[in-house]
PDB file of N, CA and C in Angstrom:
ATOM      1  N   UNK A   1      33.054 -16.683  31.574  1.00  0.00           N
ATOM      2  CA  UNK A   1      33.476 -17.874  30.878  1.00  0.00           C
ATOM      3  C   UNK A   1      32.693 -19.085  31.378  1.00  0.00           C
ATOM      4  N   UNK A   2      32.402 -19.093  32.670  1.00  0.00           N
ATOM      5  CA  UNK A   2      31.679 -20.222  33.240  1.00  0.00           C
ATOM      6  C   UNK A   2      30.259 -20.289  32.679  1.00  0.00           C
ATOM      7  N   UNK A   3      29.657 -19.118  32.449  1.00  0.00           N
ATOM      8  CA  UNK A   3      28.317 -19.087  31.868  1.00  0.00           C
ATOM      9  C   UNK A   3      28.291 -19.699  30.476  1.00  0.00           C
ATOM     10  N   UNK A   4      29.333 -19.417  29.704  1.00  0.00           N
ATOM     11  CA  UNK A   4      29.406 -19.971  28.345  1.00  0.00           C
ATOM     12  C   UNK A   4      29.559 -21.479  28.402  1.00  0.00           C
ATOM     13  N   UNK A   5      30.431 -21.963  29.267  1.00  0.00           N
ATOM     14  CA  UNK A   5      30.643 -23.407  29.380  1.00  0.00           C
ATOM     15  C   UNK A   5      29.408 -24.127  29.902  1.00  0.00           C
ATOM     16  N   UNK A   6      28.630 -23.468  30.754  1.00  0.00           N
ATOM     17  CA  UNK A   6      27.394 -24.086  31.240  1.00  0.00           C
ATOM     18  C   UNK A   6      26.357 -24.215  30.128  1.00  0.00           C
ATOM     19  N   UNK A   7      26.343 -23.299  29.192  1.00  0.00           N
ATOM     20  CA  UNK A   7      25.375 -23.356  28.091  1.00  0.00           C
ATOM     21  C   UNK A   7      25.825 -24.299  26.982  1.00  0.00           C
ATOM     22  N   UNK A   8      27.129 -24.650  26.965  1.00  0.00           N
ATOM     23  CA  UNK A   8      27.670 -25.492  25.913  1.00  0.00           C
ATOM     24  C   UNK A   8      27.567 -26.963  26.312  1.00  0.00           C
ATOM     25  N   UNK A   9      26.382 -27.511  26.130  1.00  0.00           N
ATOM     26  CA  UNK A   9      26.179 -28.923  26.421  1.00  0.00           C
ATOM     27  C   UNK A   9      26.769 -29.760  25.299  1.00  0.00           C
ATOM     28  N   UNK A  10      26.734 -31.076  25.451  1.00  0.00           N
ATOM     29  CA  UNK A  10      27.273 -31.939  24.402  1.00  0.00           C
ATOM     30  C   UNK A  10      26.439 -31.832  23.129  1.00  0.00           C
ATOM     31  N   UNK A  11      25.137 -31.667  23.277  1.00  0.00           N
ATOM     32  CA  UNK A  11      24.287 -31.504  22.092  1.00  0.00           C
ATOM     33  C   UNK A  11      24.606 -30.202  21.381  1.00  0.00           C
ATOM     34  N   UNK A  12      24.798 -29.138  22.126  1.00  0.00           N
ATOM     35  CA  UNK A  12      25.127 -27.844  21.524  1.00  0.00           C
ATOM     36  C   UNK A  12      26.504 -27.897  20.861  1.00  0.00           C
ATOM     37  N   UNK A  13      27.448 -28.593  21.484  1.00  0.00           N
ATOM     38  CA  UNK A  13      28.782 -28.726  20.885  1.00  0.00           C
ATOM     39  C   UNK A  13      28.699 -29.489  19.565  1.00  0.00           C
ATOM     40  N   UNK A  14      27.841 -30.505  19.487  1.00  0.00           N
ATOM     41  CA  UNK A  14      27.660 -31.245  18.238  1.00  0.00           C
ATOM     42  C   UNK A  14      27.032 -30.351  17.169  1.00  0.00           C
ATOM     43  N   UNK A  15      26.122 -29.486  17.567  1.00  0.00           N
ATOM     44  CA  UNK A  15      25.516 -28.565  16.606  1.00  0.00           C
ATOM     45  C   UNK A  15      26.539 -27.555  16.089  1.00  0.00           C
ATOM     46  N   UNK A  16      27.376 -27.065  16.974  1.00  0.00           N
ATOM     47  CA  UNK A  16      28.437 -26.139  16.567  1.00  0.00           C
ATOM     48  C   UNK A  16      29.414 -26.844  15.635  1.00  0.00           C
ATOM     49  N   UNK A  17      29.733 -28.091  15.946  1.00  0.00           N
ATOM     50  CA  UNK A  17      30.642 -28.866  15.101  1.00  0.00           C
ATOM     51  C   UNK A  17      30.056 -29.070  13.707  1.00  0.00           C
ATOM     52  N   UNK A  18      28.771 -29.368  13.641  1.00  0.00           N
ATOM     53  CA  UNK A  18      28.104 -29.525  12.341  1.00  0.00           C
ATOM     54  C   UNK A  18      28.136 -28.220  11.552  1.00  0.00           C
ATOM     55  N   UNK A  19      27.862 -27.129  12.214  1.00  0.00           N
ATOM     56  CA  UNK A  19      27.931 -25.824  11.552  1.00  0.00           C
ATOM     57  C   UNK A  19      29.325 -25.501  11.050  1.00  0.00           C
ATOM     58  N   UNK A  20      30.331 -25.882  11.808  1.00  0.00           N
ATOM     59  CA  UNK A  20      31.711 -25.648  11.401  1.00  0.00           C
ATOM     60  C   UNK A  20      32.051 -26.427  10.138  1.00  0.00           C
ATOM     61  N   UNK A  21      31.605 -27.669  10.049  1.00  0.00           N
ATOM     62  CA  UNK A  21      31.859 -28.459   8.842  1.00  0.00           C
ATOM     63  C   UNK A  21      31.130 -27.881   7.625  1.00  0.00           C
ATOM     64  N   UNK A  22      29.943 -27.363   7.843  1.00  0.00           N
ATOM     65  CA  UNK A  22      29.211 -26.742   6.733  1.00  0.00           C
ATOM     66  C   UNK A  22      29.936 -25.483   6.261  1.00  0.00           C
ATOM     67  N   UNK A  23      30.459 -24.710   7.186  1.00  0.00           N
ATOM     68  CA  UNK A  23      31.225 -23.513   6.817  1.00  0.00           C
ATOM     69  C   UNK A  23      32.486 -23.911   6.047  1.00  0.00           C
ATOM     70  N   UNK A  24      33.154 -24.975   6.453  1.00  0.00           N
ATOM     71  CA  UNK A  24      34.344 -25.450   5.745  1.00  0.00           C
ATOM     72  C   UNK A  24      33.982 -25.859   4.324  1.00  0.00           C
ATOM     73  N   UNK A  25      32.862 -26.559   4.147  1.00  0.00           N
ATOM     74  CA  UNK A  25      32.439 -26.983   2.808  1.00  0.00           C
ATOM     75  C   UNK A  25      32.115 -25.772   1.935  1.00  0.00           C
ATOM     76  N   UNK A  26      31.407 -24.793   2.484  1.00  0.00           N
ATOM     77  CA  UNK A  26      31.055 -23.592   1.724  1.00  0.00           C
ATOM     78  C   UNK A  26      32.306 -22.803   1.350  1.00  0.00           C
ATOM     79  N   UNK A  27      33.250 -22.732   2.261  1.00  0.00           N
ATOM     80  CA  UNK A  27      34.490 -22.002   1.980  1.00  0.00           C
ATOM     81  C   UNK A  27      35.282 -22.694   0.882  1.00  0.00           C
ATOM     82  N   UNK A  28      35.305 -24.007   0.870  1.00  0.00           N
ATOM     83  CA  UNK A  28      36.015 -24.735  -0.186  1.00  0.00           C
ATOM     84  C   UNK A  28      35.369 -24.493  -1.549  1.00  0.00           C
ATOM     85  N   UNK A  29      34.059 -24.483  -1.583  1.00  0.00           N
ATOM     86  CA  UNK A  29      33.366 -24.205  -2.839  1.00  0.00           C
ATOM     87  C   UNK A  29      33.643 -22.770  -3.291  1.00  0.00           C
ATOM     88  N   UNK A  30      33.656 -21.837  -2.360  1.00  0.00           N
ATOM     89  CA  UNK A  30      33.953 -20.443  -2.700  1.00  0.00           C
ATOM     90  C   UNK A  30      35.381 -20.300  -3.230  1.00  0.00           C
ATOM     91  N   UNK A  31      36.333 -21.016  -2.646  1.00  0.00           N
ATOM     92  CA  UNK A  31      37.709 -20.981  -3.131  1.00  0.00           C
ATOM     93  C   UNK A  31      37.808 -21.570  -4.532  1.00  0.00           C
ATOM     94  N   UNK A  32      37.023 -22.595  -4.824  1.00  0.00           N
ATOM     95  CA  UNK A  32      36.991 -23.168  -6.167  1.00  0.00           C
ATOM     96  C   UNK A  32      36.592 -22.119  -7.192  1.00  0.00           C
ATOM     97  N   UNK A  33      35.574 -21.343  -6.877  1.00  0.00           N
ATOM     98  CA  UNK A  33      35.150 -20.292  -7.790  1.00  0.00           C
ATOM     99  C   UNK A  33      36.149 -19.144  -7.837  1.00  0.00           C
ATOM    100  N   UNK A  34      36.831 -18.887  -6.724  1.00  0.00           N
ATOM    101  CA  UNK A  34      37.810 -17.811  -6.688  1.00  0.00           C
ATOM    102  C   UNK A  34      38.999 -18.093  -7.600  1.00  0.00           C
ATOM    103  N   UNK A  35      39.422 -19.353  -7.674  1.00  0.00           N
ATOM    104  CA  UNK A  35      40.584 -19.682  -8.504  1.00  0.00           C
ATOM    105  C   UNK A  35      40.201 -19.932  -9.954  1.00  0.00           C
ATOM    106  N   UNK A  36      38.978 -19.646 -10.332  1.00  0.00           N
ATOM    107  CA  UNK A  36      38.575 -19.713 -11.723  1.00  0.00           C
ATOM    108  C   UNK A  36      37.877 -20.992 -12.116  1.00  0.00           C
ATOM    109  N   UNK A  37      37.222 -21.634 -11.178  1.00  0.00           N
ATOM    110  CA  UNK A  37      36.555 -22.894 -11.463  1.00  0.00           C
ATOM    111  C   UNK A  37      35.312 -22.765 -12.312  1.00  0.00           C
ATOM    112  N   UNK A  38      34.750 -21.592 -12.402  1.00  0.00           N
ATOM    113  CA  UNK A  38      33.520 -21.408 -13.168  1.00  0.00           C
ATOM    114  C   UNK A  38      33.780 -20.839 -14.554  1.00  0.00           C
ATOM    115  N   UNK A  39      35.023 -20.899 -15.003  1.00  0.00           N
ATOM    116  CA  UNK A  39      35.357 -20.296 -16.305  1.00  0.00           C
ATOM    117  C   UNK A  39      34.915 -21.146 -17.481  1.00  0.00           C
ATOM    118  N   UNK A  40      34.586 -22.398 -17.258  1.00  0.00           N
ATOM    119  CA  UNK A  40      34.124 -23.256 -18.333  1.00  0.00           C
ATOM    120  C   UNK A  40      35.224 -24.093 -18.942  1.00  0.00           C
ATOM    121  N   UNK A  41      36.458 -23.855 -18.561  1.00  0.00           N
ATOM    122  CA  UNK A  41      37.586 -24.615 -19.081  1.00  0.00           C
ATOM    123  C   UNK A  41      37.788 -25.906 -18.293  1.00  0.00           C
ATOM    124  N   UNK A  42      38.812 -26.637 -18.628  1.00  0.00           N
ATOM    125  CA  UNK A  42      39.091 -27.872 -17.888  1.00  0.00           C
ATOM    126  C   UNK A  42      39.499 -27.564 -16.442  1.00  0.00           C
ATOM    127  N   UNK A  43      39.142 -28.454 -15.561  1.00  0.00           N
ATOM    128  CA  UNK A  43      39.429 -28.270 -14.140  1.00  0.00           C
ATOM    129  C   UNK A  43      40.859 -28.744 -13.880  1.00  0.00           C
ATOM    130  N   UNK A  44      41.672 -27.857 -13.332  1.00  0.00           N
ATOM    131  CA  UNK A  44      43.064 -28.181 -13.045  1.00  0.00           C
ATOM    132  C   UNK A  44      43.219 -28.824 -11.675  1.00  0.00           C
ATOM    133  N   UNK A  45      44.455 -29.209 -11.357  1.00  0.00           N
ATOM    134  CA  UNK A  45      44.719 -29.854 -10.070  1.00  0.00           C
ATOM    135  C   UNK A  45      44.446 -28.927  -8.894  1.00  0.00           C
ATOM    136  N   UNK A  46      44.778 -27.649  -9.055  1.00  0.00           N
ATOM    137  CA  UNK A  46      44.531 -26.689  -7.981  1.00  0.00           C
ATOM    138  C   UNK A  46      43.052 -26.492  -7.707  1.00  0.00           C
ATOM    139  N   UNK A  47      42.253 -26.562  -8.757  1.00  0.00           N
ATOM    140  CA  UNK A  47      40.813 -26.413  -8.592  1.00  0.00           C
ATOM    141  C   UNK A  47      40.190 -27.694  -8.060  1.00  0.00           C
ATOM    142  N   UNK A  48      40.692 -28.821  -8.516  1.00  0.00           N
ATOM    143  CA  UNK A  48      40.152 -30.109  -8.083  1.00  0.00           C
ATOM    144  C   UNK A  48      40.358 -30.336  -6.595  1.00  0.00           C
ATOM    145  N   UNK A  49      41.449 -29.791  -6.059  1.00  0.00           N
ATOM    146  CA  UNK A  49      41.730 -29.903  -4.632  1.00  0.00           C
ATOM    147  C   UNK A  49      40.589 -29.322  -3.798  1.00  0.00           C
ATOM    148  N   UNK A  50      40.061 -28.178  -4.229  1.00  0.00           N
ATOM    149  CA  UNK A  50      38.980 -27.536  -3.482  1.00  0.00           C
ATOM    150  C   UNK A  50      37.664 -28.303  -3.609  1.00  0.00           C
ATOM    151  N   UNK A  51      37.422 -28.889  -4.754  1.00  0.00           N
ATOM    152  CA  UNK A  51      36.211 -29.697  -4.932  1.00  0.00           C
ATOM    153  C   UNK A  51      36.277 -30.937  -4.039  1.00  0.00           C
ATOM    154  N   UNK A  52      37.438 -31.581  -4.000  1.00  0.00           N
ATOM    155  CA  UNK A  52      37.599 -32.755  -3.142  1.00  0.00           C
ATOM    156  C   UNK A  52      37.446 -32.393  -1.675  1.00  0.00           C
ATOM    157  N   UNK A  53      37.991 -31.243  -1.271  1.00  0.00           N
ATOM    158  CA  UNK A  53      37.863 -30.793   0.114  1.00  0.00           C
ATOM    159  C   UNK A  53      36.422 -30.508   0.491  1.00  0.00           C
ATOM    160  N   UNK A  54      35.683 -29.882  -0.426  1.00  0.00           N
ATOM    161  CA  UNK A  54      34.269 -29.597  -0.168  1.00  0.00           C
ATOM    162  C   UNK A  54      33.470 -30.889  -0.070  1.00  0.00           C
ATOM    163  N   UNK A  55      33.781 -31.850  -0.928  1.00  0.00           N
ATOM    164  CA  UNK A  55      33.089 -33.137  -0.881  1.00  0.00           C
ATOM    165  C   UNK A  55      33.387 -33.874   0.419  1.00  0.00           C
ATOM    166  N   UNK A  56      34.646 -33.870   0.843  1.00  0.00           N
ATOM    167  CA  UNK A  56      35.020 -34.536   2.097  1.00  0.00           C
ATOM    168  C   UNK A  56      34.331 -33.880   3.292  1.00  0.00           C
ATOM    169  N   UNK A  57      34.291 -32.551   3.314  1.00  0.00           N
ATOM    170  CA  UNK A  57      33.636 -31.844   4.416  1.00  0.00           C
ATOM    171  C   UNK A  57      32.128 -32.089   4.405  1.00  0.00           C
ATOM    172  N   UNK A  58      31.528 -32.177   3.222  1.00  0.00           N
ATOM    173  CA  UNK A  58      30.090 -32.423   3.131  1.00  0.00           C
ATOM    174  C   UNK A  58      29.729 -33.827   3.605  1.00  0.00           C
ATOM    175  N   UNK A  59      30.522 -34.811   3.226  1.00  0.00           N
ATOM    176  CA  UNK A  59      30.272 -36.185   3.672  1.00  0.00           C
ATOM    177  C   UNK A  59      30.458 -36.295   5.179  1.00  0.00           C
ATOM    178  N   UNK A  60      31.494 -35.630   5.703  1.00  0.00           N
ATOM    179  CA  UNK A  60      31.706 -35.638   7.152  1.00  0.00           C
ATOM    180  C   UNK A  60      30.553 -34.943   7.867  1.00  0.00           C
ATOM    181  N   UNK A  61      30.037 -33.852   7.284  1.00  0.00           N
ATOM    182  CA  UNK A  61      28.897 -33.155   7.888  1.00  0.00           C
ATOM    183  C   UNK A  61      27.671 -34.062   7.929  1.00  0.00           C
ATOM    184  N   UNK A  62      27.475 -34.846   6.884  1.00  0.00           N
ATOM    185  CA  UNK A  62      26.361 -35.792   6.874  1.00  0.00           C
ATOM    186  C   UNK A  62      26.526 -36.840   7.966  1.00  0.00           C
ATOM    187  N   UNK A  63      27.739 -37.350   8.130  1.00  0.00           N
ATOM    188  CA  UNK A  63      27.998 -38.338   9.185  1.00  0.00           C
ATOM    189  C   UNK A  63      27.789 -37.732  10.572  1.00  0.00           C
ATOM    190  N   UNK A  64      28.226 -36.491  10.751  1.00  0.00           N
ATOM    191  CA  UNK A  64      28.032 -35.815  12.042  1.00  0.00           C
ATOM    192  C   UNK A  64      26.549 -35.578  12.293  1.00  0.00           C
ATOM    193  N   UNK A  65      25.813 -35.233  11.261  1.00  0.00           N
ATOM    194  CA  UNK A  65      24.369 -35.038  11.406  1.00  0.00           C
ATOM    195  C   UNK A  65      23.684 -36.333  11.832  1.00  0.00           C
ATOM    196  N   UNK A  66      24.053 -37.443  11.218  1.00  0.00           N
ATOM    197  CA  UNK A  66      23.459 -38.734  11.584  1.00  0.00           C
ATOM    198  C   UNK A  66      23.793 -39.080  13.033  1.00  0.00           C
ATOM    199  N   UNK A  67      25.043 -38.876  13.432  1.00  0.00           N
ATOM    200  CA  UNK A  67      25.420 -39.143  14.823  1.00  0.00           C
ATOM    201  C   UNK A  67      24.648 -38.241  15.783  1.00  0.00           C
ATOM    202  N   UNK A  68      24.482 -36.987  15.408  1.00  0.00           N
ATOM    203  CA  UNK A  68      23.749 -36.046  16.261  1.00  0.00           C
ATOM    204  C   UNK A  68      22.277 -36.451  16.392  1.00  0.00           C
ATOM    205  N   UNK A  69      21.681 -36.879  15.296  1.00  0.00           N
ATOM    206  CA  UNK A  69      20.274 -37.278  15.334  1.00  0.00           C
ATOM    207  C   UNK A  69      20.069 -38.490  16.242  1.00  0.00           C
ATOM    208  N   UNK A  70      21.019 -39.409  16.215  1.00  0.00           N
ATOM    209  CA  UNK A  70      20.902 -40.605  17.046  1.00  0.00           C
ATOM    210  C   UNK A  70      21.409 -40.398  18.467  1.00  0.00           C
ATOM    211  N   UNK A  71      21.737 -39.164  18.827  1.00  0.00           N
ATOM    212  CA  UNK A  71      22.089 -38.858  20.208  1.00  0.00           C
ATOM    213  C   UNK A  71      23.526 -39.138  20.580  1.00  0.00           C
ATOM    214  N   UNK A  72      24.380 -39.370  19.628  1.00  0.00           N
ATOM    215  CA  UNK A  72      25.804 -39.619  19.881  1.00  0.00           C
ATOM    216  C   UNK A  72      26.571 -38.302  19.718  1.00  0.00           C
ATOM    217  N   UNK A  73      26.321 -37.383  20.636  1.00  0.00           N
ATOM    218  CA  UNK A  73      26.848 -36.034  20.503  1.00  0.00           C
ATOM    219  C   UNK A  73      28.360 -35.981  20.668  1.00  0.00           C
ATOM    220  N   UNK A  74      28.892 -36.728  21.608  1.00  0.00           N
ATOM    221  CA  UNK A  74      30.347 -36.719  21.800  1.00  0.00           C
ATOM    222  C   UNK A  74      31.060 -37.323  20.605  1.00  0.00           C
ATOM    223  N   UNK A  75      30.495 -38.379  20.035  1.00  0.00           N
ATOM    224  CA  UNK A  75      31.091 -38.979  18.841  1.00  0.00           C
ATOM    225  C   UNK A  75      31.050 -37.996  17.673  1.00  0.00           C
ATOM    226  N   UNK A  76      29.969 -37.251  17.570  1.00  0.00           N
ATOM    227  CA  UNK A  76      29.852 -36.266  16.494  1.00  0.00           C
ATOM    228  C   UNK A  76      30.917 -35.182  16.630  1.00  0.00           C
ATOM    229  N   UNK A  77      31.128 -34.702  17.845  1.00  0.00           N
ATOM    230  CA  UNK A  77      32.140 -33.682  18.076  1.00  0.00           C
ATOM    231  C   UNK A  77      33.541 -34.237  17.834  1.00  0.00           C
ATOM    232  N   UNK A  78      33.774 -35.461  18.264  1.00  0.00           N
ATOM    233  CA  UNK A  78      35.077 -36.089  18.061  1.00  0.00           C
ATOM    234  C   UNK A  78      35.349 -36.324  16.575  1.00  0.00           C
ATOM    235  N   UNK A  79      34.332 -36.754  15.840  1.00  0.00           N
ATOM    236  CA  UNK A  79      34.484 -36.944  14.398  1.00  0.00           C
ATOM    237  C   UNK A  79      34.806 -35.629  13.705  1.00  0.00           C
ATOM    238  N   UNK A  80      34.169 -34.561  14.121  1.00  0.00           N
ATOM    239  CA  UNK A  80      34.448 -33.255  13.534  1.00  0.00           C
ATOM    240  C   UNK A  80      35.892 -32.844  13.776  1.00  0.00           C
ATOM    241  N   UNK A  81      36.381 -33.037  14.986  1.00  0.00           N
ATOM    242  CA  UNK A  81      37.769 -32.698  15.288  1.00  0.00           C
ATOM    243  C   UNK A  81      38.726 -33.527  14.434  1.00  0.00           C
ATOM    244  N   UNK A  82      38.433 -34.816  14.282  1.00  0.00           N
ATOM    245  CA  UNK A  82      39.287 -35.684  13.468  1.00  0.00           C
ATOM    246  C   UNK A  82      39.274 -35.270  12.006  1.00  0.00           C
ATOM    247  N   UNK A  83      38.108 -34.900  11.496  1.00  0.00           N
ATOM    248  CA  UNK A  83      38.001 -34.481  10.095  1.00  0.00           C
ATOM    249  C   UNK A  83      38.742 -33.174   9.865  1.00  0.00           C
ATOM    250  N   UNK A  84      38.638 -32.240  10.779  1.00  0.00           N
ATOM    251  CA  UNK A  84      39.339 -30.963  10.620  1.00  0.00           C
ATOM    252  C   UNK A  84      40.845 -31.187  10.613  1.00  0.00           C
ATOM    253  N   UNK A  85      41.331 -32.033  11.501  1.00  0.00           N
ATOM    254  CA  UNK A  85      42.767 -32.347  11.528  1.00  0.00           C
ATOM    255  C   UNK A  85      43.185 -33.029  10.232  1.00  0.00           C
ATOM    256  N   UNK A  86      42.361 -33.961   9.747  1.00  0.00           N
ATOM    257  CA  UNK A  86      42.685 -34.660   8.505  1.00  0.00           C
ATOM    258  C   UNK A  86      42.679 -33.703   7.313  1.00  0.00           C
ATOM    259  N   UNK A  87      41.709 -32.796   7.251  1.00  0.00           N
ATOM    260  CA  UNK A  87      41.664 -31.831   6.153  1.00  0.00           C
ATOM    261  C   UNK A  87      42.850 -30.869   6.193  1.00  0.00           C
ATOM    262  N   UNK A  88      43.251 -30.450   7.387  1.00  0.00           N
ATOM    263  CA  UNK A  88      44.427 -29.590   7.489  1.00  0.00           C
ATOM    264  C   UNK A  88      45.684 -30.323   7.055  1.00  0.00           C
ATOM    265  N   UNK A  89      45.835 -31.587   7.478  1.00  0.00           N
ATOM    266  CA  UNK A  89      47.009 -32.370   7.073  1.00  0.00           C
ATOM    267  C   UNK A  89      47.003 -32.580   5.563  1.00  0.00           C
ATOM    268  N   UNK A  90      45.833 -32.842   4.994  1.00  0.00           N
ATOM    269  CA  UNK A  90      45.722 -33.029   3.555  1.00  0.00           C
ATOM    270  C   UNK A  90      46.100 -31.755   2.798  1.00  0.00           C
ATOM    271  N   UNK A  91      45.693 -30.614   3.329  1.00  0.00           N
ATOM    272  CA  UNK A  91      46.015 -29.345   2.698  1.00  0.00           C
ATOM    273  C   UNK A  91      47.518 -29.071   2.768  1.00  0.00           C
ATOM    274  N   UNK A  92      48.139 -29.366   3.904  1.00  0.00           N
ATOM    275  CA  UNK A  92      49.578 -29.158   4.053  1.00  0.00           C
ATOM    276  C   UNK A  92      50.345 -30.058   3.093  1.00  0.00           C
ATOM    277  N   UNK A  93      49.913 -31.297   2.956  1.00  0.00           N
ATOM    278  CA  UNK A  93      50.584 -32.227   2.044  1.00  0.00           C
ATOM    279  C   UNK A  93      50.385 -31.790   0.595  1.00  0.00           C
ATOM    280  N   UNK A  94      49.197 -31.366   0.236  1.00  0.00           N
ATOM    281  CA  UNK A  94      48.902 -30.985  -1.152  1.00  0.00           C
ATOM    282  C   UNK A  94      49.602 -29.697  -1.547  1.00  0.00           C
ATOM    283  N   UNK A  95      49.682 -28.741  -0.656  1.00  0.00           N
ATOM    284  CA  UNK A  95      50.306 -27.463  -0.985  1.00  0.00           C
ATOM    285  C   UNK A  95      51.838 -27.562  -0.876  1.00  0.00           C
ATOM    286  N   UNK A  96      52.307 -28.210   0.169  1.00  0.00           N
ATOM    287  CA  UNK A  96      53.757 -28.282   0.421  1.00  0.00           C
ATOM    288  C   UNK A  96      54.362 -29.394  -0.286  1.00  0.00           C
TER     289      UNK A  96
END
């Protein structure tokens, strides 16, 4: 475990955080297609939720990328954690 923590620098943690946001965006887009978003009909509220989630994750990924490029690795990781918590809360509110 110590070896893993030694390799996980702040820059590497920011890269992992960016990858996590990209995976969240891709998963939201995949869920949109799973619920019938590509059928050609009007987009319903259930489908729109996934599009909004993918857009929010993509914008957050862009912000994390900019922070990472400018060397603000801890801020990038913190922003990712905040976005994930916000997306989970949004999902709980929208579904429940």
